[in-house]
Structure formats: structure tokens, C-alpha cells
Amino acid sequence: MGPIVTVQDVVTAFADFMEPTDAELDAIEAEMPVILADVDLLDAQIAVMDRMPSELDARRIRRARRRALAARVALLNRAAAGVSVPGGAA
């Protein structure tokens, strides 16, 4: 039986030297509050997929949606604050 080269290429394509850079890890860390808020929202939505949501479920979904939006706004505000205008103009 001969070796299958395409499978070997796929396996070795993700070698140790292909790890994320520090900048990529920092970007993931900065976006982590948004990711966690989206996970909470999905959890709330998945919990009521097979039944009618009660008032408590509806509040949980609204609260999770507000947290997700607030996390996105906070991320955008941090990104906008980090942008500098050339020449030092504000």
C-alpha cells in the first residue's frame, strides 16, 4: 500500500510553527467579553427552542441580548480610543 501524500500534507500543515502570533492572541483576548456574551445569548435562546418561553425566559434572553450589545459597544469604543490621528490632532 502506497502512502497518501495529500493526507500527510494536511496533517503536517498545522505543525507547531503555525501557532497564533502574540498579536492574534491579544486580539482574541480583547474580543473575549463579546464572545462570552454571545455564548450566554445562545444558551438562553437554545434553552427555549423546544418550548414556549416563559416571562423569566424572555427576561433572560433580553438581558443576554443587552449584555452582548454592550460588550460589542465597549469593544468598538476601545478600538476607537486606540486609533490615533496622524500628526497628533485629536
N, C-alpha and C. Protein backbone atom coordinates (compact mmCIF):
# COMPACT_ATOMS: atom_id res chain seq x y z
N MET A 1 0.85 -1.17 0.00
CA MET A 1 0.00 0.00 0.00
C MET A 1 0.89 1.23 0.00
N GLY A 2 0.63 2.17 -0.89
CA GLY A 2 1.43 3.38 -1.01
C GLY A 2 0.94 4.47 -0.07
N PRO A 3 1.81 5.36 0.31
CA PRO A 3 1.40 6.47 1.19
C PRO A 3 0.49 7.44 0.45
N ILE A 4 -0.42 8.02 1.19
CA ILE A 4 -1.33 9.02 0.62
C ILE A 4 -0.74 10.39 0.95
N VAL A 5 -0.19 11.04 -0.04
CA VAL A 5 0.55 12.28 0.16
C VAL A 5 -0.37 13.42 0.58
N THR A 6 -1.57 13.49 0.02
CA THR A 6 -2.45 14.60 0.35
C THR A 6 -2.84 14.59 1.83
N VAL A 7 -3.05 13.40 2.39
CA VAL A 7 -3.40 13.31 3.81
C VAL A 7 -2.20 13.72 4.66
N GLN A 8 -1.01 13.32 4.26
CA GLN A 8 0.18 13.71 5.01
C GLN A 8 0.37 15.21 4.97
N ASP A 9 0.08 15.86 3.84
CA ASP A 9 0.22 17.31 3.75
C ASP A 9 -0.76 18.01 4.68
N VAL A 10 -1.98 17.50 4.75
CA VAL A 10 -2.97 18.11 5.63
C VAL A 10 -2.57 17.95 7.08
N VAL A 11 -2.06 16.80 7.44
CA VAL A 11 -1.66 16.56 8.83
C VAL A 11 -0.50 17.45 9.22
N THR A 12 0.46 17.62 8.34
CA THR A 12 1.64 18.43 8.67
C THR A 12 1.41 19.91 8.43
N ALA A 13 0.27 20.29 7.85
CA ALA A 13 0.02 21.70 7.58
C ALA A 13 -0.14 22.48 8.87
N PHE A 14 -0.55 21.84 9.94
CA PHE A 14 -0.76 22.52 11.21
C PHE A 14 0.33 22.12 12.20
N ALA A 15 1.55 22.30 11.80
CA ALA A 15 2.68 21.97 12.65
C ALA A 15 2.84 23.02 13.74
N ASP A 16 3.78 22.79 14.64
CA ASP A 16 3.99 23.69 15.79
C ASP A 16 4.31 25.11 15.38
N PHE A 17 4.98 25.29 14.26
CA PHE A 17 5.36 26.64 13.85
C PHE A 17 4.17 27.44 13.33
N MET A 18 3.01 26.84 13.21
CA MET A 18 1.82 27.53 12.71
C MET A 18 0.93 28.06 13.84
N GLU A 19 1.46 28.22 15.03
CA GLU A 19 0.67 28.70 16.16
C GLU A 19 0.34 30.18 15.97
N PRO A 20 -0.70 30.67 16.65
CA PRO A 20 -1.07 32.08 16.51
C PRO A 20 0.03 32.98 17.07
N THR A 21 0.13 34.14 16.46
CA THR A 21 1.12 35.11 16.91
C THR A 21 0.62 35.80 18.18
N ASP A 22 1.50 36.55 18.81
CA ASP A 22 1.10 37.30 20.01
C ASP A 22 0.01 38.32 19.68
N ALA A 23 0.09 38.94 18.52
CA ALA A 23 -0.92 39.92 18.13
C ALA A 23 -2.28 39.25 17.95
N GLU A 24 -2.30 38.05 17.37
CA GLU A 24 -3.56 37.34 17.21
C GLU A 24 -4.14 36.92 18.55
N LEU A 25 -3.29 36.48 19.46
CA LEU A 25 -3.77 36.12 20.80
C LEU A 25 -4.29 37.34 21.55
N ASP A 26 -3.64 38.49 21.38
CA ASP A 26 -4.12 39.72 22.01
C ASP A 26 -5.48 40.12 21.45
N ALA A 27 -5.67 39.95 20.14
CA ALA A 27 -6.96 40.28 19.53
C ALA A 27 -8.06 39.37 20.06
N ILE A 28 -7.75 38.09 20.22
CA ILE A 28 -8.73 37.15 20.76
C ILE A 28 -9.07 37.52 22.20
N GLU A 29 -8.06 37.87 22.98
CA GLU A 29 -8.28 38.25 24.37
C GLU A 29 -9.13 39.52 24.46
N ALA A 30 -8.90 40.46 23.55
CA ALA A 30 -9.69 41.70 23.56
C ALA A 30 -11.14 41.43 23.20
N GLU A 31 -11.39 40.44 22.35
CA GLU A 31 -12.75 40.12 21.93
C GLU A 31 -13.44 39.11 22.84
N MET A 32 -12.75 38.61 23.84
CA MET A 32 -13.31 37.57 24.70
C MET A 32 -14.61 38.00 25.40
N PRO A 33 -14.77 39.22 25.91
CA PRO A 33 -16.06 39.59 26.51
C PRO A 33 -17.22 39.49 25.52
N VAL A 34 -16.98 39.85 24.27
CA VAL A 34 -18.03 39.74 23.24
C VAL A 34 -18.36 38.28 22.98
N ILE A 35 -17.33 37.45 22.90
CA ILE A 35 -17.54 36.03 22.65
C ILE A 35 -18.34 35.39 23.78
N LEU A 36 -17.97 35.70 25.02
CA LEU A 36 -18.68 35.13 26.17
C LEU A 36 -20.12 35.63 26.25
N ALA A 37 -20.35 36.90 25.92
CA ALA A 37 -21.71 37.44 25.93
C ALA A 37 -22.55 36.77 24.84
N ASP A 38 -21.96 36.52 23.68
CA ASP A 38 -22.69 35.83 22.61
C ASP A 38 -23.01 34.40 23.01
N VAL A 39 -22.11 33.74 23.72
CA VAL A 39 -22.36 32.37 24.19
C VAL A 39 -23.52 32.37 25.18
N ASP A 40 -23.56 33.35 26.08
CA ASP A 40 -24.68 33.44 27.03
C ASP A 40 -26.00 33.65 26.30
N LEU A 41 -25.99 34.50 25.26
CA LEU A 41 -27.20 34.73 24.48
C LEU A 41 -27.64 33.45 23.78
N LEU A 42 -26.71 32.74 23.19
CA LEU A 42 -27.05 31.48 22.54
C LEU A 42 -27.58 30.46 23.54
N ASP A 43 -27.01 30.40 24.72
CA ASP A 43 -27.50 29.49 25.76
C ASP A 43 -28.95 29.81 26.11
N ALA A 44 -29.25 31.10 26.24
CA ALA A 44 -30.62 31.50 26.58
C ALA A 44 -31.59 31.16 25.45
N GLN A 45 -31.16 31.35 24.22
CA GLN A 45 -32.03 31.04 23.09
C GLN A 45 -32.21 29.54 22.90
N ILE A 46 -31.15 28.77 23.10
CA ILE A 46 -31.24 27.32 22.95
C ILE A 46 -32.14 26.71 24.02
N ALA A 47 -32.13 27.31 25.20
CA ALA A 47 -32.93 26.76 26.30
C ALA A 47 -34.43 26.78 26.00
N VAL A 48 -34.87 27.68 25.15
CA VAL A 48 -36.31 27.80 24.87
C VAL A 48 -36.68 27.36 23.46
N MET A 49 -35.80 26.66 22.80
CA MET A 49 -36.10 26.25 21.43
C MET A 49 -37.24 25.26 21.33
N ASP A 50 -37.39 24.40 22.30
CA ASP A 50 -38.39 23.34 22.21
C ASP A 50 -39.64 23.61 23.05
N ARG A 51 -39.79 24.82 23.53
CA ARG A 51 -40.98 25.14 24.32
C ARG A 51 -41.27 26.63 24.21
N MET A 52 -42.44 26.99 24.65
CA MET A 52 -42.80 28.41 24.68
C MET A 52 -42.02 29.09 25.80
N PRO A 53 -41.37 30.21 25.50
CA PRO A 53 -40.62 30.89 26.56
C PRO A 53 -41.55 31.51 27.60
N SER A 54 -41.19 31.33 28.85
CA SER A 54 -41.95 31.96 29.92
C SER A 54 -41.47 33.41 30.05
N GLU A 55 -42.09 34.13 30.95
CA GLU A 55 -41.67 35.52 31.18
C GLU A 55 -40.23 35.57 31.68
N LEU A 56 -39.86 34.62 32.52
CA LEU A 56 -38.50 34.54 33.02
C LEU A 56 -37.51 34.26 31.89
N ASP A 57 -37.88 33.36 30.98
CA ASP A 57 -37.03 33.07 29.82
C ASP A 57 -36.88 34.31 28.94
N ALA A 58 -37.97 35.00 28.72
CA ALA A 58 -37.92 36.21 27.89
C ALA A 58 -37.00 37.26 28.52
N ARG A 59 -37.10 37.41 29.83
CA ARG A 59 -36.20 38.36 30.51
C ARG A 59 -34.75 37.94 30.39
N ARG A 60 -34.50 36.63 30.52
CA ARG A 60 -33.13 36.12 30.40
C ARG A 60 -32.57 36.40 29.01
N ILE A 61 -33.39 36.20 27.97
CA ILE A 61 -32.94 36.47 26.60
C ILE A 61 -32.70 37.96 26.39
N ARG A 62 -33.61 38.80 26.87
CA ARG A 62 -33.43 40.25 26.73
C ARG A 62 -32.17 40.71 27.44
N ARG A 63 -31.95 40.20 28.65
CA ARG A 63 -30.77 40.57 29.42
C ARG A 63 -29.49 40.13 28.71
N ALA A 64 -29.49 38.92 28.17
CA ALA A 64 -28.32 38.41 27.45
C ALA A 64 -28.09 39.22 26.17
N ARG A 65 -29.16 39.60 25.49
CA ARG A 65 -29.02 40.41 24.27
C ARG A 65 -28.43 41.78 24.61
N ARG A 66 -28.90 42.39 25.71
CA ARG A 66 -28.35 43.69 26.12
C ARG A 66 -26.88 43.57 26.49
N ARG A 67 -26.50 42.48 27.19
CA ARG A 67 -25.09 42.27 27.54
C ARG A 67 -24.23 42.09 26.30
N ALA A 68 -24.74 41.36 25.31
CA ALA A 68 -23.99 41.15 24.08
C ALA A 68 -23.79 42.47 23.34
N LEU A 69 -24.85 43.27 23.27
CA LEU A 69 -24.72 44.58 22.60
C LEU A 69 -23.78 45.50 23.37
N ALA A 70 -23.87 45.49 24.69
CA ALA A 70 -22.98 46.33 25.49
C ALA A 70 -21.53 45.91 25.33
N ALA A 71 -21.28 44.62 25.24
CA ALA A 71 -19.91 44.14 25.05
C ALA A 71 -19.38 44.56 23.69
N ARG A 72 -20.23 44.51 22.67
CA ARG A 72 -19.81 44.96 21.34
C ARG A 72 -19.52 46.45 21.33
N VAL A 73 -20.36 47.23 21.98
CA VAL A 73 -20.13 48.68 22.04
C VAL A 73 -18.84 48.99 22.79
N ALA A 74 -18.60 48.29 23.89
CA ALA A 74 -17.37 48.51 24.65
C ALA A 74 -16.14 48.17 23.81
N LEU A 75 -16.22 47.09 23.04
CA LEU A 75 -15.10 46.72 22.17
C LEU A 75 -14.86 47.77 21.10
N LEU A 76 -15.93 48.26 20.50
CA LEU A 76 -15.79 49.31 19.48
C LEU A 76 -15.24 50.60 20.08
N ASN A 77 -15.69 50.94 21.28
CA ASN A 77 -15.18 52.15 21.93
C ASN A 77 -13.70 52.02 22.26
N ARG A 78 -13.29 50.85 22.73
CA ARG A 78 -11.85 50.63 23.00
C ARG A 78 -11.04 50.73 21.72
N ALA A 79 -11.57 50.17 20.64
CA ALA A 79 -10.86 50.21 19.37
C ALA A 79 -10.78 51.64 18.85
N ALA A 80 -11.86 52.41 19.00
CA ALA A 80 -11.87 53.79 18.54
C ALA A 80 -10.94 54.66 19.37
N ALA A 81 -10.84 54.37 20.66
CA ALA A 81 -9.95 55.15 21.53
C ALA A 81 -8.51 54.85 21.21
N GLY A 82 -8.21 53.68 20.71
CA GLY A 82 -6.84 53.30 20.40
C GLY A 82 -6.37 53.84 19.06
N VAL A 83 -7.28 54.36 18.25
CA VAL A 83 -6.91 54.87 16.94
C VAL A 83 -6.35 56.27 17.12
N SER A 84 -5.16 56.49 16.61
CA SER A 84 -4.57 57.82 16.71
C SER A 84 -4.59 58.49 15.35
N VAL A 85 -4.77 59.80 15.38
CA VAL A 85 -4.80 60.58 14.14
C VAL A 85 -3.39 61.01 13.82
N PRO A 86 -2.94 60.85 12.57
CA PRO A 86 -1.58 61.27 12.22
C PRO A 86 -1.35 62.75 12.51
N GLY A 87 -0.22 63.07 13.03
CA GLY A 87 0.11 64.45 13.34
C GLY A 87 -0.29 64.86 14.74
N GLY A 88 -0.91 63.97 15.48
CA GLY A 88 -1.27 64.26 16.86
C GLY A 88 -2.56 65.04 17.01
N ALA A 89 -3.30 65.27 15.92
CA ALA A 89 -4.56 66.00 16.04
C ALA A 89 -5.60 65.12 16.70
N ALA A 90 -6.44 65.72 17.50
CA ALA A 90 -7.46 64.94 18.18
C ALA A 90 -8.81 65.18 17.61
